[in-house]
Amino acid sequence: MPRVLISDKLSPAAVEIFKSRGIDVDVRPGLSPAELREIIPPYDGLAIRSSTKVTRSCWMRLPTSRWWAAPASAWTTSM
């Protein structure tokens, strides 16, 4: 099952959309950059808003990632 980390506060409806599509969701708002770097490796995707700053060093720790999303700015990107 794909796993997604949501590291900012999102609408409960957004969480339910992921779950309804068979995605395992962990909601962990308020992580420091160091905490995010430590916990991110097992996830397939990352959903953020403007509070989370994703640095290159953090992104490189997400080797299995297929996507990430920033709903607040209405864009996504694929790797």
N, C-alpha and C. Protein backbone atom coordinates (compact mmCIF):
# COMPACT_ATOMS: atom_id res chain seq x y z
N MET A 1 0.85 -1.18 0.00
CA MET A 1 0.00 0.00 0.00
C MET A 1 0.90 1.24 0.00
N PRO A 2 0.63 2.20 -0.86
CA PRO A 2 1.41 3.45 -0.86
C PRO A 2 1.24 4.20 0.46
N ARG A 3 2.30 4.88 0.86
CA ARG A 3 2.27 5.67 2.10
C ARG A 3 2.54 7.13 1.78
N VAL A 4 1.76 8.00 2.40
CA VAL A 4 1.91 9.44 2.22
C VAL A 4 2.08 10.10 3.58
N LEU A 5 3.02 11.02 3.64
CA LEU A 5 3.20 11.84 4.83
C LEU A 5 2.58 13.20 4.56
N ILE A 6 1.68 13.62 5.42
CA ILE A 6 1.12 14.97 5.36
C ILE A 6 1.77 15.72 6.52
N SER A 7 2.63 16.70 6.18
CA SER A 7 3.41 17.36 7.22
C SER A 7 2.93 18.76 7.56
N ASP A 8 1.77 19.12 7.08
CA ASP A 8 1.13 20.38 7.44
C ASP A 8 -0.33 20.09 7.75
N LYS A 9 -1.00 21.06 8.35
CA LYS A 9 -2.43 20.89 8.62
C LYS A 9 -3.19 20.97 7.30
N LEU A 10 -3.95 19.93 6.99
CA LEU A 10 -4.82 19.90 5.82
C LEU A 10 -6.23 19.62 6.28
N SER A 11 -7.15 19.89 5.44
CA SER A 11 -8.55 19.60 5.71
C SER A 11 -8.73 18.10 5.96
N PRO A 12 -9.58 17.74 6.91
CA PRO A 12 -9.89 16.32 7.10
C PRO A 12 -10.41 15.68 5.80
N ALA A 13 -11.06 16.46 4.96
CA ALA A 13 -11.54 15.93 3.67
C ALA A 13 -10.37 15.49 2.80
N ALA A 14 -9.27 16.21 2.83
CA ALA A 14 -8.09 15.84 2.04
C ALA A 14 -7.53 14.50 2.51
N VAL A 15 -7.48 14.32 3.82
CA VAL A 15 -7.00 13.05 4.38
C VAL A 15 -7.91 11.91 3.93
N GLU A 16 -9.21 12.14 3.97
CA GLU A 16 -10.16 11.11 3.56
C GLU A 16 -10.04 10.77 2.07
N ILE A 17 -9.72 11.75 1.25
CA ILE A 17 -9.53 11.48 -0.19
C ILE A 17 -8.38 10.51 -0.38
N PHE A 18 -7.25 10.75 0.31
CA PHE A 18 -6.13 9.81 0.21
C PHE A 18 -6.56 8.41 0.66
N LYS A 19 -7.20 8.33 1.83
CA LYS A 19 -7.60 7.04 2.38
C LYS A 19 -8.58 6.31 1.48
N SER A 20 -9.51 7.04 0.87
CA SER A 20 -10.51 6.41 0.00
C SER A 20 -9.88 5.83 -1.26
N ARG A 21 -8.67 6.26 -1.56
CA ARG A 21 -7.95 5.74 -2.73
C ARG A 21 -6.93 4.67 -2.34
N GLY A 22 -7.05 4.16 -1.11
CA GLY A 22 -6.20 3.07 -0.68
C GLY A 22 -4.80 3.48 -0.28
N ILE A 23 -4.62 4.72 0.14
CA ILE A 23 -3.31 5.22 0.53
C ILE A 23 -3.24 5.31 2.05
N ASP A 24 -2.15 4.77 2.61
CA ASP A 24 -1.89 4.86 4.03
C ASP A 24 -1.39 6.27 4.33
N VAL A 25 -2.04 6.98 5.23
CA VAL A 25 -1.74 8.39 5.49
C VAL A 25 -1.26 8.58 6.92
N ASP A 26 -0.14 9.29 7.07
CA ASP A 26 0.33 9.73 8.38
C ASP A 26 0.29 11.24 8.39
N VAL A 27 -0.41 11.82 9.35
CA VAL A 27 -0.51 13.27 9.48
C VAL A 27 0.39 13.68 10.64
N ARG A 28 1.46 14.44 10.32
CA ARG A 28 2.45 14.84 11.33
C ARG A 28 2.79 16.32 11.17
N PRO A 29 1.87 17.23 11.45
CA PRO A 29 2.18 18.66 11.30
C PRO A 29 3.18 19.11 12.37
N GLY A 30 3.93 20.15 12.04
CA GLY A 30 4.82 20.77 13.01
C GLY A 30 6.19 20.13 13.13
N LEU A 31 6.57 19.29 12.17
CA LEU A 31 7.89 18.68 12.22
C LEU A 31 8.99 19.70 11.92
N SER A 32 10.08 19.59 12.63
CA SER A 32 11.24 20.43 12.31
C SER A 32 11.89 19.86 11.05
N PRO A 33 12.73 20.64 10.35
CA PRO A 33 13.43 20.10 9.18
C PRO A 33 14.22 18.83 9.51
N ALA A 34 14.87 18.79 10.66
CA ALA A 34 15.64 17.61 11.05
C ALA A 34 14.73 16.40 11.28
N GLU A 35 13.58 16.63 11.92
CA GLU A 35 12.63 15.53 12.14
C GLU A 35 12.09 15.01 10.82
N LEU A 36 11.77 15.91 9.90
CA LEU A 36 11.26 15.52 8.59
C LEU A 36 12.29 14.67 7.86
N ARG A 37 13.55 15.10 7.85
CA ARG A 37 14.61 14.33 7.20
C ARG A 37 14.72 12.92 7.78
N GLU A 38 14.53 12.80 9.09
CA GLU A 38 14.68 11.49 9.73
C GLU A 38 13.53 10.53 9.41
N ILE A 39 12.31 11.03 9.35
CA ILE A 39 11.17 10.11 9.21
C ILE A 39 10.72 9.89 7.77
N ILE A 40 11.23 10.64 6.82
CA ILE A 40 10.68 10.62 5.47
C ILE A 40 11.04 9.40 4.60
N PRO A 41 12.15 8.69 4.83
CA PRO A 41 12.54 7.63 3.88
C PRO A 41 11.48 6.58 3.51
N PRO A 42 10.64 6.09 4.41
CA PRO A 42 9.73 5.02 3.98
C PRO A 42 8.50 5.48 3.19
N TYR A 43 8.31 6.78 2.99
CA TYR A 43 7.10 7.27 2.34
C TYR A 43 7.23 7.31 0.82
N ASP A 44 6.09 7.14 0.15
CA ASP A 44 6.01 7.22 -1.30
C ASP A 44 5.65 8.61 -1.78
N GLY A 45 5.11 9.42 -0.89
CA GLY A 45 4.70 10.77 -1.27
C GLY A 45 4.67 11.69 -0.08
N LEU A 46 4.67 12.98 -0.38
CA LEU A 46 4.66 14.01 0.64
C LEU A 46 3.65 15.07 0.23
N ALA A 47 2.73 15.40 1.13
CA ALA A 47 1.75 16.46 0.89
C ALA A 47 2.03 17.57 1.90
N ILE A 48 2.21 18.78 1.41
CA ILE A 48 2.56 19.91 2.26
C ILE A 48 1.70 21.12 1.95
N ARG A 49 1.83 22.09 2.82
CA ARG A 49 1.31 23.43 2.56
C ARG A 49 2.48 24.37 2.76
N SER A 50 2.23 25.59 3.10
CA SER A 50 3.32 26.57 3.16
C SER A 50 4.18 26.47 4.42
N SER A 51 3.76 25.75 5.44
CA SER A 51 4.55 25.65 6.67
C SER A 51 5.78 24.77 6.52
N THR A 52 5.69 23.74 5.71
CA THR A 52 6.81 22.81 5.55
C THR A 52 7.74 23.30 4.45
N LYS A 53 9.00 23.40 4.77
CA LYS A 53 10.02 23.77 3.80
C LYS A 53 10.80 22.51 3.45
N VAL A 54 10.71 22.08 2.21
CA VAL A 54 11.39 20.86 1.77
C VAL A 54 12.71 21.26 1.13
N THR A 55 13.79 20.89 1.78
CA THR A 55 15.13 21.19 1.26
C THR A 55 15.60 20.04 0.39
N ARG A 56 16.63 20.29 -0.38
CA ARG A 56 17.20 19.24 -1.22
C ARG A 56 17.66 18.05 -0.36
N SER A 57 18.29 18.32 0.77
CA SER A 57 18.76 17.22 1.62
C SER A 57 17.59 16.38 2.13
N CYS A 58 16.48 17.02 2.38
CA CYS A 58 15.29 16.28 2.80
C CYS A 58 14.74 15.46 1.63
N TRP A 59 14.64 16.08 0.48
CA TRP A 59 14.09 15.40 -0.70
C TRP A 59 14.93 14.18 -1.07
N MET A 60 16.23 14.27 -0.93
CA MET A 60 17.11 13.17 -1.29
C MET A 60 16.93 11.98 -0.35
N ARG A 61 16.32 12.18 0.79
CA ARG A 61 16.05 11.09 1.72
C ARG A 61 14.74 10.37 1.38
N LEU A 62 14.09 10.78 0.32
CA LEU A 62 12.81 10.20 -0.09
C LEU A 62 13.01 9.47 -1.43
N PRO A 63 13.84 8.42 -1.44
CA PRO A 63 14.21 7.79 -2.71
C PRO A 63 13.08 7.09 -3.42
N THR A 64 12.05 6.66 -2.71
CA THR A 64 10.96 5.94 -3.36
C THR A 64 9.84 6.87 -3.82
N SER A 65 10.00 8.16 -3.60
CA SER A 65 8.91 9.09 -3.89
C SER A 65 8.58 9.12 -5.38
N ARG A 66 7.30 9.08 -5.64
CA ARG A 66 6.81 9.24 -7.00
C ARG A 66 6.20 10.62 -7.20
N TRP A 67 5.85 11.28 -6.10
CA TRP A 67 5.20 12.58 -6.24
C TRP A 67 5.24 13.33 -4.92
N TRP A 68 4.98 14.62 -5.02
CA TRP A 68 4.73 15.45 -3.85
C TRP A 68 3.75 16.51 -4.27
N ALA A 69 3.03 17.03 -3.30
CA ALA A 69 1.97 17.98 -3.62
C ALA A 69 1.94 19.11 -2.60
N ALA A 70 1.59 20.27 -3.09
CA ALA A 70 1.42 21.43 -2.22
C ALA A 70 0.06 22.03 -2.54
N PRO A 71 -0.99 21.53 -1.91
CA PRO A 71 -2.36 21.97 -2.24
C PRO A 71 -2.58 23.48 -2.07
N ALA A 72 -1.88 24.11 -1.16
CA ALA A 72 -2.10 25.55 -0.94
C ALA A 72 -1.76 26.36 -2.17
N SER A 73 -0.81 25.90 -2.95
CA SER A 73 -0.45 26.65 -4.14
C SER A 73 -0.97 26.00 -5.41
N ALA A 74 -1.73 24.94 -5.25
CA ALA A 74 -2.41 24.26 -6.36
C ALA A 74 -1.44 23.76 -7.42
N TRP A 75 -0.34 23.13 -7.02
CA TRP A 75 0.57 22.52 -7.98
C TRP A 75 1.09 21.22 -7.45
N THR A 76 1.46 20.35 -8.38
CA THR A 76 2.12 19.09 -8.03
C THR A 76 3.26 18.89 -9.01
N THR A 77 4.16 18.03 -8.64
CA THR A 77 5.26 17.70 -9.54
C THR A 77 5.59 16.24 -9.42
N SER A 78 6.10 15.65 -10.45
CA SER A 78 6.50 14.24 -10.45
C SER A 78 8.00 14.15 -10.57
N MET A 79 8.54 13.12 -10.00
CA MET A 79 9.98 12.89 -10.11
C MET A 79 10.22 11.71 -11.01
